[in-house]
Amino acid sequence: MNVVRTVREREAAYRALPAVIELCRCWTYEEFYSRVDRLSNALLDRGIRKGDVLLCWLPNIREALETELACLQIGVVWVTLNSGLTWPEVELVVRATEPLAVVVHSELAPRIRLDRGETRQVFERAAKIVAGSPVASLQPAESYENAIESASRVTPDIGITESDTARLRYTSGTTGRAKAAILSHRVYLGSLRNLREHLHPLDSTDRVLHAAPLTHASGALAYPILAAGGANVILPAFDAERVL
């Protein structure tokens, strides 16, 4: 059992309800999970398998949530980095994890520097998927939307145990270089159980506003909301007037 399968247990009942709201667009549960399934299969079609590492460097956007659920659904080890990091901070993670897939936003791609041979080799080997507009410096790379459109809607069935690694969560590195904490699927299930117990009872009328980074605690709140059939409202960044 993994956390994605758990939050999808009542998926059929929520099919027509809003799952994600971003700026002026809304995606129903049917549309959202269709995209998650297609991205899962797109990764599998490109040879990414359970236990492989995917590096996700995205701002606060819907694609970040889709990528997280797709990775957890097929057992790919998810490594996500805050969009505010500098390239030297990101490069340390790239060289440490050697991801076989990289999902990056076109706004962040210009920060990438491939002048170090080791880093360049990792990027040359990795499947590169770009959200947003095409990026010439990362060619060959594939459009995020093209990858989704090319893949099957069928929900993949990958055997995952609670002890399997779900995520490498990098610390802030305030006293030195960032270090990876290994989070198992059991951690995600425990977090979901605790949040459902300590938050007020959630239902399909509830909304959570992700104005803080999805890469941090805000992302954890997506799971109890999805399990309850509520909606995740995603803002690119905190803005007091927009939030109010």
Protein backbone atom coordinates (compact mmCIF):
# COMPACT_ATOMS: atom_id res chain seq x y z
CA MET A 1 0.00 0.00 0.00
CA ASN A 2 1.25 3.50 -0.78
CA VAL A 3 -0.18 6.91 0.01
CA VAL A 4 -1.43 7.58 -3.52
CA ARG A 5 -3.52 4.43 -3.54
CA THR A 6 -4.86 5.40 -0.12
CA VAL A 7 -6.00 8.89 -1.11
CA ARG A 8 -7.57 7.49 -4.29
CA GLU A 9 -9.78 4.99 -2.46
CA ARG A 10 -12.90 7.14 -2.98
CA GLU A 11 -11.81 8.61 -6.29
CA ALA A 12 -14.97 7.51 -8.11
CA ALA A 13 -17.17 9.47 -5.71
CA TYR A 14 -15.17 12.67 -6.30
CA ARG A 15 -14.81 12.35 -10.07
CA ALA A 16 -16.58 15.58 -11.02
CA LEU A 17 -15.41 17.67 -8.03
CA PRO A 18 -12.54 20.19 -8.23
CA ALA A 19 -9.21 18.67 -7.17
CA VAL A 20 -6.82 21.48 -8.13
CA ILE A 21 -7.46 25.18 -8.68
CA GLU A 22 -4.64 27.29 -10.09
CA LEU A 23 -5.22 30.95 -10.84
CA CYS A 24 -8.33 30.89 -13.07
CA ARG A 25 -8.27 27.19 -14.01
CA CYS A 26 -9.78 24.19 -12.31
CA TRP A 27 -9.09 20.48 -12.78
CA THR A 28 -11.59 17.90 -11.60
CA TYR A 29 -10.51 14.71 -9.86
CA GLU A 30 -11.08 12.79 -13.09
CA GLU A 31 -8.86 15.21 -15.03
CA PHE A 32 -6.21 15.44 -12.30
CA TYR A 33 -5.76 11.70 -11.77
CA SER A 34 -5.82 11.14 -15.52
CA ARG A 35 -2.79 13.43 -15.76
CA VAL A 36 -1.08 11.70 -12.82
CA ASP A 37 -1.62 8.30 -14.45
CA ARG A 38 -0.40 9.51 -17.82
CA LEU A 39 2.73 11.03 -16.30
CA SER A 40 3.35 7.79 -14.38
CA ASN A 41 3.15 5.83 -17.61
CA ALA A 42 5.24 8.40 -19.49
CA LEU A 43 8.05 7.84 -16.99
CA LEU A 44 7.71 4.07 -17.29
CA ASP A 45 7.71 4.35 -21.10
CA ARG A 46 11.04 6.19 -20.86
CA GLY A 47 12.64 3.41 -18.87
CA ILE A 48 12.28 4.96 -15.41
CA ARG A 49 11.63 2.21 -12.91
CA LYS A 50 10.91 1.68 -9.23
CA GLY A 51 13.93 2.76 -7.18
CA ASP A 52 15.26 5.16 -9.83
CA VAL A 53 15.65 8.82 -8.86
CA LEU A 54 13.67 11.69 -10.40
CA LEU A 55 14.77 15.26 -9.66
CA CYS A 56 11.94 17.81 -9.69
CA TRP A 57 12.82 21.52 -9.81
CA LEU A 58 9.57 23.41 -10.20
CA PRO A 59 7.92 26.50 -8.74
CA ASN A 60 4.54 26.34 -6.97
CA ILE A 61 2.50 24.97 -9.85
CA ARG A 62 0.09 22.12 -10.49
CA GLU A 63 2.78 20.10 -12.27
CA ALA A 64 4.75 19.85 -9.02
CA LEU A 65 1.86 18.05 -7.31
CA GLU A 66 1.27 15.82 -10.34
CA THR A 67 4.94 14.83 -10.49
CA GLU A 68 5.04 13.99 -6.80
CA LEU A 69 2.01 11.70 -6.99
CA ALA A 70 3.24 10.07 -10.20
CA CYS A 71 6.60 9.23 -8.59
CA LEU A 72 5.04 7.85 -5.42
CA GLN A 73 2.52 5.85 -7.43
CA ILE A 74 5.20 3.91 -9.36
CA GLY A 75 7.89 3.74 -6.68
CA VAL A 76 10.28 6.24 -8.28
CA VAL A 77 12.37 8.05 -5.65
CA TRP A 78 11.20 11.67 -5.66
CA VAL A 79 13.71 14.47 -5.04
CA THR A 80 12.19 17.93 -5.08
CA LEU A 81 14.02 21.23 -4.72
CA ASN A 82 12.76 24.68 -3.85
CA SER A 83 12.64 27.08 -6.78
CA GLY A 84 14.55 29.67 -4.74
CA LEU A 85 17.76 27.61 -4.63
CA THR A 86 20.86 28.71 -6.51
CA TRP A 87 22.41 26.47 -9.15
CA PRO A 88 25.42 25.49 -6.96
CA GLU A 89 22.93 24.26 -4.33
CA VAL A 90 21.00 22.30 -6.93
CA GLU A 91 24.16 20.92 -8.52
CA LEU A 92 25.23 19.33 -5.23
CA VAL A 93 21.97 17.35 -5.23
CA VAL A 94 22.29 16.44 -8.92
CA ARG A 95 25.77 15.03 -8.39
CA ALA A 96 24.78 13.19 -5.20
CA THR A 97 21.61 11.55 -6.51
CA GLU A 98 22.45 11.08 -10.23
CA PRO A 99 18.78 11.21 -11.30
CA LEU A 100 17.62 9.23 -14.32
CA ALA A 101 14.87 11.79 -14.96
CA VAL A 102 14.70 15.55 -14.46
CA VAL A 103 11.52 17.62 -14.48
CA VAL A 104 12.29 21.34 -14.58
CA HIS A 105 10.37 24.52 -15.37
CA SER A 106 11.49 26.67 -18.28
CA GLU A 107 11.80 29.68 -15.93
CA LEU A 108 14.39 27.83 -13.83
CA ALA A 109 16.27 26.16 -16.68
CA PRO A 110 18.44 29.24 -17.48
CA ARG A 111 20.10 28.82 -14.05
CA ILE A 112 21.43 25.40 -15.03
CA ARG A 113 25.16 25.31 -15.78
CA LEU A 114 26.66 22.21 -17.32
CA ASP A 115 30.31 23.29 -17.37
CA ARG A 116 31.31 20.54 -14.92
CA GLY A 117 31.88 17.26 -16.72
CA GLU A 118 30.23 15.10 -14.06
CA THR A 119 27.08 17.23 -13.99
CA ARG A 120 26.91 17.35 -17.78
CA GLN A 121 27.13 13.55 -17.95
CA VAL A 122 24.20 13.19 -15.53
CA PHE A 123 22.04 15.54 -17.61
CA GLU A 124 23.02 13.87 -20.86
CA ARG A 125 21.96 10.48 -19.49
CA ALA A 126 18.74 11.65 -17.79
CA ALA A 127 15.33 11.91 -19.44
CA LYS A 128 14.57 15.63 -19.40
CA ILE A 129 11.00 16.91 -19.21
CA VAL A 130 10.38 20.67 -19.34
CA ALA A 131 7.23 22.36 -18.07
CA GLY A 132 6.47 25.66 -19.75
CA SER A 133 8.16 26.79 -22.96
CA PRO A 134 10.97 24.86 -24.72
CA VAL A 135 14.54 25.39 -23.50
CA ALA A 136 17.27 25.24 -26.14
CA SER A 137 20.07 24.62 -23.63
CA LEU A 138 18.48 21.35 -22.42
CA GLN A 139 17.97 19.71 -25.78
CA PRO A 140 17.14 16.97 -26.30
CA ALA A 141 14.28 17.50 -23.88
CA GLU A 142 10.57 16.79 -23.98
CA SER A 143 7.61 19.00 -23.28
CA TYR A 144 5.76 18.09 -20.09
CA GLU A 145 2.41 18.25 -21.87
CA ASN A 146 3.66 16.17 -24.81
CA ALA A 147 4.90 13.51 -22.40
CA ILE A 148 1.48 13.33 -20.76
CA GLU A 149 -0.44 13.28 -24.04
CA SER A 150 1.71 10.44 -25.37
CA ALA A 151 1.04 8.07 -22.46
CA SER A 152 -1.72 5.70 -21.38
CA ARG A 153 -4.47 6.71 -18.94
CA VAL A 154 -4.44 3.26 -17.29
CA THR A 155 -3.49 3.40 -13.61
CA PRO A 156 -0.17 1.53 -13.27
CA ASP A 157 0.02 -1.31 -10.78
CA ILE A 158 3.49 -1.33 -9.22
CA GLY A 159 4.20 -3.35 -6.10
CA ILE A 160 5.35 -0.98 -3.36
CA THR A 161 5.98 -1.78 0.29
CA GLU A 162 5.92 0.65 3.19
CA SER A 163 9.66 0.22 3.66
CA ASP A 164 10.49 1.26 0.07
CA THR A 165 12.12 4.66 -0.33
CA ALA A 166 9.64 7.33 -1.40
CA ARG A 167 11.67 10.52 -1.20
CA LEU A 168 15.08 11.97 -0.54
CA ARG A 169 14.28 15.13 1.38
CA TYR A 170 17.17 17.55 1.49
CA THR A 171 17.66 19.57 4.63
CA SER A 172 18.10 23.33 4.61
CA GLY A 173 21.84 22.99 5.13
CA THR A 174 21.93 25.96 7.50
CA THR A 175 25.03 24.61 9.26
CA GLY A 176 26.68 23.14 6.18
CA ARG A 177 25.86 21.47 2.92
CA ALA A 178 22.35 20.07 2.50
CA LYS A 179 21.98 16.41 3.43
CA ALA A 180 19.36 13.92 2.28
CA ALA A 181 16.90 12.43 4.76
CA ILE A 182 15.51 9.14 3.43
CA LEU A 183 11.72 9.03 3.71
CA SER A 184 9.95 5.71 3.20
CA HIS A 185 6.38 5.21 2.02
CA ARG A 186 5.54 4.45 5.65
CA VAL A 187 6.38 8.09 6.48
CA TYR A 188 3.82 9.37 3.96
CA LEU A 189 1.15 7.03 5.29
CA GLY A 190 1.93 8.06 8.87
CA SER A 191 1.80 11.75 7.96
CA LEU A 192 -1.58 11.29 6.25
CA ARG A 193 -2.97 9.39 9.24
CA ASN A 194 -1.76 12.02 11.72
CA LEU A 195 -3.06 14.96 9.71
CA ARG A 196 -6.48 13.34 9.29
CA GLU A 197 -6.62 12.77 13.03
CA HIS A 198 -5.52 16.23 14.16
CA LEU A 199 -7.15 18.47 11.56
CA HIS A 200 -10.87 19.16 11.76
CA PRO A 201 -12.97 16.54 9.94
CA LEU A 202 -12.46 17.19 6.22
CA ASP A 203 -14.97 16.78 3.42
CA SER A 204 -15.43 17.78 -0.21
CA THR A 205 -16.29 21.38 0.70
CA ASP A 206 -12.85 22.00 2.19
CA ARG A 207 -10.08 23.95 0.45
CA VAL A 208 -6.40 24.27 1.25
CA LEU A 209 -4.49 27.31 -0.02
CA HIS A 210 -0.91 26.50 -1.01
CA ALA A 211 0.73 29.92 -0.82
CA ALA A 212 3.81 28.49 0.89
CA PRO A 213 6.12 26.20 -1.15
CA LEU A 214 4.73 22.77 -2.02
CA THR A 215 8.26 21.47 -1.43
CA HIS A 216 7.78 22.06 2.30
CA ALA A 217 4.96 21.51 4.81
CA SER A 218 2.29 22.92 2.52
CA GLY A 219 2.73 19.91 0.24
CA ALA A 220 1.87 17.51 3.05
CA LEU A 221 -1.58 19.09 3.37
CA ALA A 222 -2.48 18.05 -0.17
CA TYR A 223 -2.92 14.42 0.88
CA PRO A 224 -5.71 14.71 3.48
CA ILE A 225 -7.53 17.13 1.18
CA LEU A 226 -7.31 14.71 -1.76
CA ALA A 227 -8.47 11.87 0.46
CA ALA A 228 -11.52 13.93 1.49
CA GLY A 229 -12.44 15.13 -2.01
CA GLY A 230 -11.57 18.76 -1.29
CA ALA A 231 -9.64 21.15 -3.50
CA ASN A 232 -6.01 22.27 -3.53
CA VAL A 233 -5.71 25.95 -4.44
CA ILE A 234 -2.18 26.68 -5.68
CA LEU A 235 -0.59 30.12 -5.79
CA PRO A 236 2.83 30.67 -7.41
CA ALA A 237 4.01 32.64 -4.37
CA PHE A 238 2.70 34.41 -1.29
CA ASP A 239 1.06 37.73 -2.09
CA ALA A 240 -0.97 39.32 0.70
CA GLU A 241 -3.58 40.96 -1.53
CA ARG A 242 -4.10 37.84 -3.65
CA VAL A 243 -4.31 35.62 -0.57
CA LEU A 244 -6.91 37.85 1.08
